Amino acid sequence: MGYEYKVVQIREGMIGGKMSAGKLESVLNEWASKGWQLKAITSVEVKGRLGPGGVEGVLVTFERPLG
C-alpha cells in the first residue's frame, strides 16, 4: 500500500503575529477531517514577498494511504 503527502505552510503573518496554538490546532483538525494524519511539523524561515528578510513559520506534513 502506498501513501500520499500534503505539506501546508503556515507563516506568522497569516496568523497575526506569534505562532498561535489555536490556529495550528485548527489546521490539524481541518486536514484530519479529510483523512490526513500528521507526519511532521518543521520550523522554517519563510521568505517574505518584500525585502531580503523572512518570517518564522512551520511546514506541517500530513500523510494518508492512497486509495
N, C-alpha and C. Protein backbone atom coordinates (compact mmCIF):
# COMPACT_ATOMS: atom_id res chain seq x y z
N MET A 1 0.85 -1.18 0.00
CA MET A 1 0.00 0.00 0.00
C MET A 1 0.89 1.24 0.00
N GLY A 2 0.55 2.20 -0.83
CA GLY A 2 1.32 3.44 -0.91
C GLY A 2 0.67 4.56 -0.11
N TYR A 3 1.40 5.66 -0.04
CA TYR A 3 0.93 6.83 0.70
C TYR A 3 1.04 8.06 -0.17
N GLU A 4 0.26 9.07 0.16
CA GLU A 4 0.40 10.38 -0.45
C GLU A 4 0.63 11.38 0.67
N TYR A 5 1.22 12.52 0.31
CA TYR A 5 1.61 13.51 1.31
C TYR A 5 1.08 14.89 0.94
N LYS A 6 0.84 15.69 1.95
CA LYS A 6 0.39 17.07 1.79
C LYS A 6 1.24 17.92 2.73
N VAL A 7 1.80 19.01 2.22
CA VAL A 7 2.60 19.92 3.04
C VAL A 7 1.89 21.28 3.06
N VAL A 8 1.61 21.77 4.27
CA VAL A 8 0.92 23.04 4.45
C VAL A 8 1.90 24.01 5.13
N GLN A 9 2.06 25.18 4.55
CA GLN A 9 2.95 26.20 5.11
C GLN A 9 2.13 27.20 5.91
N ILE A 10 2.53 27.43 7.15
CA ILE A 10 1.86 28.42 7.99
C ILE A 10 2.91 29.45 8.40
N ARG A 11 2.66 30.72 8.06
CA ARG A 11 3.57 31.81 8.42
C ARG A 11 2.98 32.62 9.56
N GLU A 12 3.83 33.28 10.32
CA GLU A 12 3.36 34.16 11.40
C GLU A 12 2.39 35.20 10.87
N GLY A 13 2.70 35.79 9.73
CA GLY A 13 1.86 36.83 9.16
C GLY A 13 0.45 36.35 8.87
N MET A 14 0.30 35.05 8.63
CA MET A 14 -1.02 34.50 8.34
C MET A 14 -1.84 34.35 9.60
N ILE A 15 -1.18 34.38 10.75
CA ILE A 15 -1.90 34.15 12.00
C ILE A 15 -1.76 35.33 12.95
N GLY A 16 -1.41 36.48 12.42
CA GLY A 16 -1.44 37.71 13.21
C GLY A 16 -0.40 37.80 14.30
N GLY A 17 0.86 37.66 13.96
CA GLY A 17 1.92 37.82 14.96
C GLY A 17 2.49 36.49 15.38
N LYS A 18 2.43 36.21 16.68
CA LYS A 18 3.04 34.99 17.19
C LYS A 18 2.33 33.75 16.68
N MET A 19 3.07 32.66 16.63
CA MET A 19 2.52 31.38 16.21
C MET A 19 1.41 31.00 17.19
N SER A 20 0.24 30.80 16.68
CA SER A 20 -0.92 30.54 17.51
C SER A 20 -1.20 29.04 17.61
N ALA A 21 -1.27 28.53 18.83
CA ALA A 21 -1.60 27.12 19.03
C ALA A 21 -3.00 26.83 18.50
N GLY A 22 -3.90 27.77 18.68
CA GLY A 22 -5.27 27.59 18.20
C GLY A 22 -5.33 27.47 16.69
N LYS A 23 -4.54 28.30 15.98
CA LYS A 23 -4.51 28.25 14.52
C LYS A 23 -3.93 26.92 14.05
N LEU A 24 -2.84 26.49 14.69
CA LEU A 24 -2.23 25.22 14.32
C LEU A 24 -3.21 24.07 14.57
N GLU A 25 -3.90 24.10 15.69
CA GLU A 25 -4.88 23.07 16.01
C GLU A 25 -6.00 23.04 14.97
N SER A 26 -6.42 24.23 14.53
CA SER A 26 -7.46 24.32 13.52
C SER A 26 -7.02 23.67 12.20
N VAL A 27 -5.77 23.94 11.80
CA VAL A 27 -5.23 23.35 10.57
C VAL A 27 -5.14 21.83 10.71
N LEU A 28 -4.66 21.35 11.85
CA LEU A 28 -4.55 19.90 12.07
C LEU A 28 -5.92 19.23 11.99
N ASN A 29 -6.91 19.83 12.65
CA ASN A 29 -8.26 19.25 12.64
C ASN A 29 -8.91 19.30 11.26
N GLU A 30 -8.64 20.39 10.53
CA GLU A 30 -9.20 20.51 9.18
C GLU A 30 -8.71 19.36 8.29
N TRP A 31 -7.41 19.12 8.29
CA TRP A 31 -6.86 18.07 7.44
C TRP A 31 -7.18 16.67 7.96
N ALA A 32 -7.25 16.51 9.28
CA ALA A 32 -7.62 15.21 9.86
C ALA A 32 -9.03 14.82 9.43
N SER A 33 -9.91 15.80 9.33
CA SER A 33 -11.29 15.51 8.92
C SER A 33 -11.37 15.01 7.47
N LYS A 34 -10.30 15.26 6.71
CA LYS A 34 -10.23 14.81 5.31
C LYS A 34 -9.42 13.52 5.17
N GLY A 35 -9.08 12.92 6.31
CA GLY A 35 -8.37 11.64 6.28
C GLY A 35 -6.86 11.72 6.35
N TRP A 36 -6.31 12.91 6.55
CA TRP A 36 -4.86 13.09 6.63
C TRP A 36 -4.39 12.94 8.07
N GLN A 37 -3.24 12.30 8.26
CA GLN A 37 -2.64 12.12 9.58
C GLN A 37 -1.35 12.93 9.65
N LEU A 38 -1.13 13.61 10.78
CA LEU A 38 0.08 14.40 10.96
C LEU A 38 1.31 13.51 10.89
N LYS A 39 2.28 13.92 10.08
CA LYS A 39 3.54 13.18 9.95
C LYS A 39 4.68 13.95 10.60
N ALA A 40 4.74 15.28 10.39
CA ALA A 40 5.84 16.08 10.94
C ALA A 40 5.46 17.56 10.94
N ILE A 41 6.07 18.30 11.89
CA ILE A 41 6.00 19.76 11.90
C ILE A 41 7.43 20.26 11.93
N THR A 42 7.78 21.11 10.95
CA THR A 42 9.14 21.60 10.82
C THR A 42 9.15 23.12 10.89
N SER A 43 9.96 23.68 11.77
CA SER A 43 10.09 25.13 11.88
C SER A 43 10.98 25.62 10.74
N VAL A 44 10.56 26.71 10.08
CA VAL A 44 11.31 27.26 8.95
C VAL A 44 11.28 28.78 8.99
N GLU A 45 12.20 29.39 8.26
CA GLU A 45 12.12 30.82 8.00
C GLU A 45 11.57 30.96 6.59
N VAL A 46 10.44 31.61 6.46
CA VAL A 46 9.75 31.74 5.18
C VAL A 46 10.08 33.11 4.60
N LYS A 47 10.59 33.13 3.37
CA LYS A 47 10.93 34.40 2.74
C LYS A 47 9.67 35.21 2.48
N GLY A 48 9.74 36.47 2.85
CA GLY A 48 8.61 37.38 2.63
C GLY A 48 8.57 37.84 1.17
N ARG A 49 7.49 38.46 0.79
CA ARG A 49 7.36 38.96 -0.58
C ARG A 49 8.20 40.21 -0.82
N LEU A 50 8.42 41.00 0.23
CA LEU A 50 9.19 42.23 0.09
C LEU A 50 10.44 42.16 0.95
N GLY A 51 11.55 42.56 0.39
CA GLY A 51 12.79 42.62 1.17
C GLY A 51 13.47 41.28 1.33
N PRO A 52 14.68 41.32 1.86
CA PRO A 52 15.50 40.11 1.96
C PRO A 52 15.18 39.24 3.19
N GLY A 53 14.47 39.80 4.17
CA GLY A 53 14.21 39.07 5.41
C GLY A 53 13.13 38.02 5.25
N GLY A 54 12.96 37.24 6.30
CA GLY A 54 11.92 36.23 6.30
C GLY A 54 11.14 36.30 7.59
N VAL A 55 10.13 35.49 7.70
CA VAL A 55 9.34 35.40 8.92
C VAL A 55 9.35 33.96 9.39
N GLU A 56 9.17 33.78 10.70
CA GLU A 56 9.10 32.43 11.24
C GLU A 56 7.83 31.76 10.76
N GLY A 57 7.92 30.48 10.58
CA GLY A 57 6.74 29.72 10.17
C GLY A 57 6.98 28.24 10.40
N VAL A 58 6.00 27.44 10.02
CA VAL A 58 6.14 26.00 10.12
C VAL A 58 5.64 25.35 8.84
N LEU A 59 6.22 24.22 8.52
CA LEU A 59 5.70 23.34 7.48
C LEU A 59 5.07 22.16 8.20
N VAL A 60 3.81 21.91 7.91
CA VAL A 60 3.08 20.82 8.53
C VAL A 60 2.89 19.75 7.45
N THR A 61 3.43 18.56 7.68
CA THR A 61 3.37 17.48 6.71
C THR A 61 2.35 16.44 7.16
N PHE A 62 1.44 16.11 6.25
CA PHE A 62 0.40 15.11 6.52
C PHE A 62 0.60 13.93 5.59
N GLU A 63 0.09 12.78 6.01
CA GLU A 63 0.19 11.54 5.23
C GLU A 63 -1.15 10.82 5.29
N ARG A 64 -1.50 10.15 4.18
CA ARG A 64 -2.67 9.27 4.18
C ARG A 64 -2.46 8.17 3.16
N PRO A 65 -3.07 7.03 3.38
CA PRO A 65 -2.95 5.92 2.42
C PRO A 65 -3.58 6.30 1.08
N LEU A 66 -2.99 5.83 0.00
CA LEU A 66 -3.57 6.01 -1.34
C LEU A 66 -4.85 5.20 -1.44
N GLY A 67 -5.76 5.71 -2.22
CA GLY A 67 -6.96 4.93 -2.46
C GLY A 67 -8.13 5.55 -1.87
